[in-house]
Amino acid sequence: MKKSKPADVALSKSPGRAPGLTETTGIRYVGNEPAIPAVPCTIHAPVDGGIIMSDRAYVLINVMPGQTSEVVRALSAIKQIKTIDPCWGKPDIIVVVEVTDQDALTQLVLKRIHEIDGVSQTDTHLVYRLKDSKAK
């Protein structure tokens, strides 16, 4: 059986959008070059070149049966949570959080999210920043 070739990914910028992120590919740019070649959609950085002020993490949340709606409602009251996505399968909910530091992330997960009725388990993934290592 032949392996199919991966589709080419266009690196063109979309007019009218913020200069850092393409509309179709999700590749972030610094000037005219991709911020990190071949690593689309994994790095977060200010589009305007500003200072990064927060840590971002994905929190995967497992919920007791029948309680997803109530948990989503409770999560929506937490200002550090930027997106809430209920999902089929495990996890039941994926949230993106932005906090000032890792201590704040610990408090958010252990004191706020774990205390919500219906939350049975969480799995937290802190996003880290890769630096471009190409020689100049």
N, C-alpha and C. Protein backbone atom coordinates (compact mmCIF):
# COMPACT_ATOMS: atom_id res chain seq x y z
N MET A 1 0.84 -1.18 0.00
CA MET A 1 0.00 0.00 0.00
C MET A 1 0.88 1.24 0.00
N LYS A 2 0.59 2.19 -0.92
CA LYS A 2 1.38 3.40 -1.02
C LYS A 2 0.97 4.41 0.04
N LYS A 3 1.95 5.10 0.57
CA LYS A 3 1.65 6.18 1.52
C LYS A 3 1.33 7.43 0.73
N SER A 4 0.33 8.14 1.18
CA SER A 4 0.00 9.38 0.50
C SER A 4 0.90 10.50 1.01
N LYS A 5 1.18 11.45 0.12
CA LYS A 5 2.03 12.58 0.50
C LYS A 5 1.19 13.60 1.23
N PRO A 6 1.77 14.26 2.25
CA PRO A 6 1.01 15.29 2.95
C PRO A 6 0.77 16.48 2.03
N ALA A 7 -0.35 17.14 2.22
CA ALA A 7 -0.68 18.30 1.41
C ALA A 7 0.27 19.44 1.75
N ASP A 8 0.61 20.24 0.72
CA ASP A 8 1.45 21.41 0.95
C ASP A 8 0.68 22.43 1.77
N VAL A 9 1.38 23.10 2.66
CA VAL A 9 0.76 24.11 3.50
C VAL A 9 1.16 25.47 2.99
N ALA A 10 0.19 26.29 2.66
CA ALA A 10 0.47 27.64 2.18
C ALA A 10 0.89 28.52 3.34
N LEU A 11 1.89 29.35 3.09
CA LEU A 11 2.38 30.23 4.14
C LEU A 11 2.04 31.69 3.86
N SER A 12 1.07 31.95 3.00
CA SER A 12 0.75 33.33 2.67
C SER A 12 -0.10 33.96 3.75
N LYS A 13 0.13 35.25 3.97
CA LYS A 13 -0.62 35.98 4.98
C LYS A 13 -1.95 36.43 4.40
N SER A 14 -2.95 36.52 5.22
CA SER A 14 -4.26 36.97 4.79
C SER A 14 -4.36 38.48 4.98
N PRO A 15 -4.80 39.20 3.92
CA PRO A 15 -4.95 40.64 4.09
C PRO A 15 -6.10 40.95 5.04
N GLY A 16 -5.95 42.03 5.79
CA GLY A 16 -7.01 42.46 6.68
C GLY A 16 -7.00 41.80 8.05
N ARG A 17 -6.13 40.85 8.28
CA ARG A 17 -6.05 40.19 9.59
C ARG A 17 -4.86 40.74 10.35
N ALA A 18 -4.82 40.43 11.62
CA ALA A 18 -3.66 40.81 12.43
C ALA A 18 -2.41 40.23 11.78
N PRO A 19 -1.31 40.95 11.77
CA PRO A 19 -0.13 40.52 11.02
C PRO A 19 0.53 39.25 11.54
N GLY A 20 0.17 38.76 12.70
CA GLY A 20 0.89 37.63 13.25
C GLY A 20 0.37 36.25 12.91
N LEU A 21 -0.89 36.12 12.52
CA LEU A 21 -1.46 34.79 12.37
C LEU A 21 -2.21 34.70 11.05
N THR A 22 -1.92 33.67 10.27
CA THR A 22 -2.62 33.51 9.00
C THR A 22 -4.00 32.94 9.24
N GLU A 23 -4.91 33.25 8.34
CA GLU A 23 -6.28 32.79 8.51
C GLU A 23 -6.43 31.32 8.16
N THR A 24 -5.79 30.88 7.08
CA THR A 24 -6.01 29.53 6.60
C THR A 24 -5.11 28.49 7.23
N THR A 25 -3.89 28.87 7.59
CA THR A 25 -2.96 27.86 8.09
C THR A 25 -2.71 27.92 9.58
N GLY A 26 -2.96 29.07 10.22
CA GLY A 26 -2.69 29.19 11.63
C GLY A 26 -1.22 29.31 11.95
N ILE A 27 -0.38 29.70 10.97
CA ILE A 27 1.05 29.84 11.21
C ILE A 27 1.33 31.28 11.61
N ARG A 28 2.05 31.47 12.70
CA ARG A 28 2.37 32.78 13.22
C ARG A 28 3.63 33.30 12.55
N TYR A 29 3.63 34.59 12.20
CA TYR A 29 4.75 35.22 11.51
C TYR A 29 5.44 36.26 12.38
N VAL A 30 6.74 36.39 12.20
CA VAL A 30 7.51 37.49 12.75
C VAL A 30 8.15 38.14 11.54
N GLY A 31 7.70 39.34 11.19
CA GLY A 31 8.13 39.96 9.93
C GLY A 31 7.56 39.16 8.78
N ASN A 32 8.41 38.74 7.85
CA ASN A 32 7.95 37.96 6.71
C ASN A 32 8.25 36.47 6.86
N GLU A 33 8.81 36.07 7.96
CA GLU A 33 9.20 34.68 8.18
C GLU A 33 8.29 34.01 9.21
N PRO A 34 8.00 32.72 9.03
CA PRO A 34 7.25 32.02 10.07
C PRO A 34 8.02 32.08 11.38
N ALA A 35 7.32 32.29 12.50
CA ALA A 35 7.97 32.40 13.81
C ALA A 35 8.81 31.16 14.10
N ILE A 36 8.25 30.02 13.87
CA ILE A 36 8.98 28.77 14.01
C ILE A 36 8.55 27.88 12.85
N PRO A 37 9.42 27.67 11.89
CA PRO A 37 9.04 26.89 10.72
C PRO A 37 8.56 25.50 11.09
N ALA A 38 7.51 25.06 10.44
CA ALA A 38 6.97 23.70 10.55
C ALA A 38 6.36 23.39 11.91
N VAL A 39 6.05 24.39 12.72
CA VAL A 39 5.38 24.17 13.99
C VAL A 39 4.18 25.11 14.07
N PRO A 40 3.14 24.87 13.26
CA PRO A 40 1.99 25.79 13.26
C PRO A 40 1.12 25.62 14.50
N CYS A 41 0.52 26.71 14.95
CA CYS A 41 -0.53 26.72 15.96
C CYS A 41 -0.11 26.22 17.33
N THR A 42 1.16 26.19 17.65
CA THR A 42 1.53 25.69 18.96
C THR A 42 2.16 26.75 19.85
N ILE A 43 2.54 27.87 19.29
CA ILE A 43 3.23 28.89 20.05
C ILE A 43 2.28 30.07 20.22
N HIS A 44 2.20 30.59 21.42
CA HIS A 44 1.41 31.80 21.56
C HIS A 44 2.37 32.94 21.89
N ALA A 45 2.12 34.05 21.24
CA ALA A 45 2.93 35.24 21.45
C ALA A 45 2.09 36.43 21.03
N PRO A 46 2.36 37.58 21.56
CA PRO A 46 1.59 38.75 21.16
C PRO A 46 1.78 39.02 19.67
N VAL A 47 0.69 39.25 18.98
CA VAL A 47 0.74 39.52 17.55
C VAL A 47 1.48 40.83 17.28
N ASP A 48 1.35 41.80 18.17
CA ASP A 48 1.95 43.11 17.95
C ASP A 48 3.40 43.18 18.42
N GLY A 49 3.99 42.07 18.81
CA GLY A 49 5.38 42.07 19.24
C GLY A 49 5.58 42.49 20.68
N GLY A 50 4.51 42.63 21.45
CA GLY A 50 4.60 43.07 22.84
C GLY A 50 5.18 42.00 23.74
N ILE A 51 5.24 42.31 25.01
CA ILE A 51 5.79 41.41 26.01
C ILE A 51 4.73 40.37 26.40
N ILE A 52 5.14 39.13 26.52
CA ILE A 52 4.23 38.07 26.94
C ILE A 52 3.99 38.23 28.44
N MET A 53 2.72 38.38 28.81
CA MET A 53 2.39 38.68 30.20
C MET A 53 1.75 37.52 30.95
N SER A 54 1.43 36.44 30.26
CA SER A 54 0.74 35.38 30.98
C SER A 54 1.20 34.02 30.50
N ASP A 55 0.91 33.02 31.31
CA ASP A 55 1.12 31.63 30.93
C ASP A 55 -0.20 31.08 30.44
N ARG A 56 -0.14 30.26 29.42
CA ARG A 56 -1.34 29.63 28.88
C ARG A 56 -1.24 28.13 29.15
N ALA A 57 -2.38 27.53 29.45
CA ALA A 57 -2.42 26.09 29.68
C ALA A 57 -3.73 25.53 29.15
N TYR A 58 -3.68 24.28 28.77
CA TYR A 58 -4.89 23.53 28.42
C TYR A 58 -5.22 22.66 29.62
N VAL A 59 -6.45 22.74 30.07
CA VAL A 59 -6.89 21.90 31.18
C VAL A 59 -7.98 20.98 30.63
N LEU A 60 -7.69 19.69 30.67
CA LEU A 60 -8.63 18.67 30.22
C LEU A 60 -9.41 18.20 31.43
N ILE A 61 -10.73 18.27 31.35
CA ILE A 61 -11.56 18.03 32.53
C ILE A 61 -12.49 16.85 32.27
N ASN A 62 -12.46 15.89 33.17
CA ASN A 62 -13.42 14.78 33.15
C ASN A 62 -14.52 15.11 34.15
N VAL A 63 -15.75 14.80 33.75
CA VAL A 63 -16.93 15.19 34.51
C VAL A 63 -17.76 13.95 34.83
N MET A 64 -18.45 13.98 35.96
CA MET A 64 -19.37 12.91 36.32
C MET A 64 -20.52 12.88 35.31
N PRO A 65 -21.07 11.71 35.01
CA PRO A 65 -22.14 11.61 34.01
C PRO A 65 -23.31 12.55 34.30
N GLY A 66 -23.76 13.23 33.24
CA GLY A 66 -24.93 14.09 33.34
C GLY A 66 -24.68 15.46 33.93
N GLN A 67 -23.42 15.81 34.23
CA GLN A 67 -23.15 17.08 34.89
C GLN A 67 -22.34 18.06 34.04
N THR A 68 -22.17 17.76 32.77
CA THR A 68 -21.35 18.61 31.91
C THR A 68 -21.89 20.04 31.83
N SER A 69 -23.19 20.20 31.65
CA SER A 69 -23.78 21.54 31.52
C SER A 69 -23.54 22.38 32.77
N GLU A 70 -23.70 21.77 33.93
CA GLU A 70 -23.50 22.51 35.17
C GLU A 70 -22.03 22.90 35.36
N VAL A 71 -21.13 22.01 34.97
CA VAL A 71 -19.70 22.30 35.09
C VAL A 71 -19.33 23.43 34.12
N VAL A 72 -19.83 23.38 32.89
CA VAL A 72 -19.55 24.44 31.92
C VAL A 72 -20.06 25.78 32.45
N ARG A 73 -21.23 25.79 33.04
CA ARG A 73 -21.80 27.01 33.61
C ARG A 73 -20.89 27.56 34.71
N ALA A 74 -20.40 26.69 35.59
CA ALA A 74 -19.52 27.12 36.67
C ALA A 74 -18.17 27.61 36.13
N LEU A 75 -17.65 26.93 35.11
CA LEU A 75 -16.37 27.35 34.53
C LEU A 75 -16.47 28.72 33.87
N SER A 76 -17.62 29.02 33.31
CA SER A 76 -17.78 30.31 32.61
C SER A 76 -17.68 31.50 33.55
N ALA A 77 -17.79 31.29 34.84
CA ALA A 77 -17.67 32.37 35.82
C ALA A 77 -16.22 32.66 36.22
N ILE A 78 -15.28 31.87 35.73
CA ILE A 78 -13.87 32.05 36.08
C ILE A 78 -13.20 32.88 35.00
N LYS A 79 -12.73 34.08 35.36
CA LYS A 79 -12.22 35.02 34.37
C LYS A 79 -10.93 34.56 33.69
N GLN A 80 -10.13 33.72 34.33
CA GLN A 80 -8.88 33.25 33.72
C GLN A 80 -9.11 32.23 32.61
N ILE A 81 -10.31 31.69 32.52
CA ILE A 81 -10.63 30.71 31.48
C ILE A 81 -11.04 31.46 30.24
N LYS A 82 -10.31 31.24 29.15
CA LYS A 82 -10.53 31.96 27.90
C LYS A 82 -11.43 31.21 26.94
N THR A 83 -11.37 29.90 26.92
CA THR A 83 -12.28 29.10 26.08
C THR A 83 -12.73 27.88 26.85
N ILE A 84 -13.96 27.45 26.58
CA ILE A 84 -14.54 26.24 27.19
C ILE A 84 -15.12 25.42 26.06
N ASP A 85 -14.61 24.22 25.86
CA ASP A 85 -15.09 23.36 24.77
C ASP A 85 -15.53 22.00 25.30
N PRO A 86 -16.85 21.78 25.43
CA PRO A 86 -17.32 20.43 25.77
C PRO A 86 -17.03 19.49 24.59
N CYS A 87 -16.64 18.26 24.88
CA CYS A 87 -16.22 17.32 23.84
C CYS A 87 -16.90 15.97 24.02
N TRP A 88 -16.97 15.20 22.94
CA TRP A 88 -17.37 13.80 23.03
C TRP A 88 -16.18 13.01 23.54
N GLY A 89 -16.42 11.97 24.30
CA GLY A 89 -15.33 11.13 24.79
C GLY A 89 -14.60 11.76 25.95
N LYS A 90 -13.38 11.30 26.18
CA LYS A 90 -12.56 11.81 27.27
C LYS A 90 -11.46 12.67 26.68
N PRO A 91 -11.24 13.86 27.18
CA PRO A 91 -11.92 14.49 28.30
C PRO A 91 -13.30 14.98 27.89
N ASP A 92 -14.09 15.33 28.88
CA ASP A 92 -15.44 15.84 28.63
C ASP A 92 -15.42 17.32 28.26
N ILE A 93 -14.46 18.06 28.81
CA ILE A 93 -14.34 19.49 28.57
C ILE A 93 -12.86 19.83 28.43
N ILE A 94 -12.54 20.69 27.47
CA ILE A 94 -11.18 21.24 27.34
C ILE A 94 -11.30 22.74 27.51
N VAL A 95 -10.50 23.30 28.42
CA VAL A 95 -10.48 24.75 28.61
C VAL A 95 -9.07 25.27 28.37
N VAL A 96 -9.01 26.52 27.90
CA VAL A 96 -7.75 27.22 27.77
C VAL A 96 -7.75 28.30 28.84
N VAL A 97 -6.69 28.31 29.65
CA VAL A 97 -6.59 29.30 30.72
C VAL A 97 -5.36 30.16 30.50
N GLU A 98 -5.45 31.41 30.94
CA GLU A 98 -4.30 32.30 30.95
C GLU A 98 -4.16 32.86 32.35
N VAL A 99 -2.97 32.67 32.90
CA VAL A 99 -2.69 33.08 34.28
C VAL A 99 -1.37 33.84 34.32
N THR A 100 -1.13 34.53 35.41
CA THR A 100 0.08 35.34 35.53
C THR A 100 1.34 34.50 35.72
N ASP A 101 1.22 33.35 36.38
CA ASP A 101 2.38 32.49 36.60
C ASP A 101 1.89 31.09 36.96
N GLN A 102 2.84 30.19 37.14
CA GLN A 102 2.48 28.80 37.40
C GLN A 102 1.84 28.61 38.77
N ASP A 103 2.17 29.45 39.73
CA ASP A 103 1.52 29.37 41.04
C ASP A 103 0.03 29.70 40.91
N ALA A 104 -0.27 30.70 40.09
CA ALA A 104 -1.67 31.05 39.85
C ALA A 104 -2.40 29.92 39.13
N LEU A 105 -1.70 29.23 38.25
CA LEU A 105 -2.29 28.08 37.56
C LEU A 105 -2.62 26.97 38.57
N THR A 106 -1.69 26.71 39.47
CA THR A 106 -1.91 25.69 40.50
C THR A 106 -3.14 26.03 41.33
N GLN A 107 -3.25 27.27 41.77
CA GLN A 107 -4.40 27.69 42.57
C GLN A 107 -5.70 27.60 41.77
N LEU A 108 -5.65 28.00 40.50
CA LEU A 108 -6.84 27.94 39.65
C LEU A 108 -7.34 26.51 39.52
N VAL A 109 -6.45 25.60 39.21
CA VAL A 109 -6.86 24.21 39.00
C VAL A 109 -7.28 23.55 40.30
N LEU A 110 -6.46 23.67 41.33
CA LEU A 110 -6.74 22.95 42.57
C LEU A 110 -7.84 23.58 43.42
N LYS A 111 -7.90 24.90 43.45
CA LYS A 111 -8.88 25.57 44.32
C LYS A 111 -10.18 25.94 43.62
N ARG A 112 -10.13 26.24 42.32
CA ARG A 112 -11.34 26.69 41.64
C ARG A 112 -12.00 25.56 40.82
N ILE A 113 -11.20 24.93 39.95
CA ILE A 113 -11.78 23.93 39.05
C ILE A 113 -12.12 22.64 39.80
N HIS A 114 -11.20 22.16 40.64
CA HIS A 114 -11.46 20.91 41.37
C HIS A 114 -12.61 21.03 42.36
N GLU A 115 -12.93 22.21 42.80
CA GLU A 115 -14.02 22.39 43.76
C GLU A 115 -15.39 22.46 43.11
N ILE A 116 -15.46 22.47 41.78
CA ILE A 116 -16.75 22.50 41.09
C ILE A 116 -17.42 21.13 41.21
N ASP A 117 -18.67 21.12 41.66
CA ASP A 117 -19.41 19.86 41.75
C ASP A 117 -19.52 19.23 40.37
N GLY A 118 -19.15 17.96 40.28
CA GLY A 118 -19.23 17.24 39.02
C GLY A 118 -17.88 17.01 38.38
N VAL A 119 -16.86 17.78 38.74
CA VAL A 119 -15.52 17.56 38.19
C VAL A 119 -14.91 16.35 38.88
N SER A 120 -14.51 15.36 38.07
CA SER A 120 -13.93 14.16 38.67
C SER A 120 -12.42 14.11 38.54
N GLN A 121 -11.86 14.74 37.50
CA GLN A 121 -10.43 14.67 37.28
C GLN A 121 -10.01 15.74 36.29
N THR A 122 -8.77 16.24 36.43
CA THR A 122 -8.22 17.18 35.46
C THR A 122 -6.84 16.71 35.01
N ASP A 123 -6.45 17.18 33.84
CA ASP A 123 -5.13 16.92 33.29
C ASP A 123 -4.67 18.24 32.68
N THR A 124 -3.63 18.85 33.25
CA THR A 124 -3.22 20.18 32.86
C THR A 124 -1.95 20.13 32.02
N HIS A 125 -1.96 20.89 30.92
CA HIS A 125 -0.81 20.94 30.00
C HIS A 125 -0.40 22.39 29.82
N LEU A 126 0.74 22.77 30.40
CA LEU A 126 1.25 24.13 30.30
C LEU A 126 1.90 24.31 28.93
N VAL A 127 1.54 25.37 28.24
CA VAL A 127 2.13 25.68 26.93
C VAL A 127 3.49 26.32 27.17
N TYR A 128 4.49 25.86 26.46
CA TYR A 128 5.81 26.49 26.58
C TYR A 128 6.19 27.11 25.24
N ARG A 129 7.15 28.01 25.29
CA ARG A 129 7.55 28.76 24.11
C ARG A 129 8.83 28.16 23.54
N LEU A 130 8.83 27.89 22.25
CA LEU A 130 10.03 27.42 21.55
C LEU A 130 10.75 28.62 20.96
N LYS A 131 12.05 28.61 21.00
CA LYS A 131 12.83 29.68 20.39
C LYS A 131 13.36 29.19 19.06
N ASP A 132 13.36 30.07 18.08
CA ASP A 132 13.90 29.74 16.76
C ASP A 132 15.40 29.62 16.90
N SER A 133 15.98 28.50 16.51
CA SER A 133 17.40 28.26 16.70
C SER A 133 18.19 28.37 15.40
N LYS A 134 17.60 28.94 14.34
CA LYS A 134 18.35 29.03 13.09
C LYS A 134 19.48 30.05 13.22
N ALA A 135 20.60 29.74 12.59
CA ALA A 135 21.78 30.60 12.68
C ALA A 135 21.55 31.89 11.91
N LYS A 136 22.10 32.98 12.42
CA LYS A 136 21.95 34.27 11.75
C LYS A 136 23.28 34.82 11.35
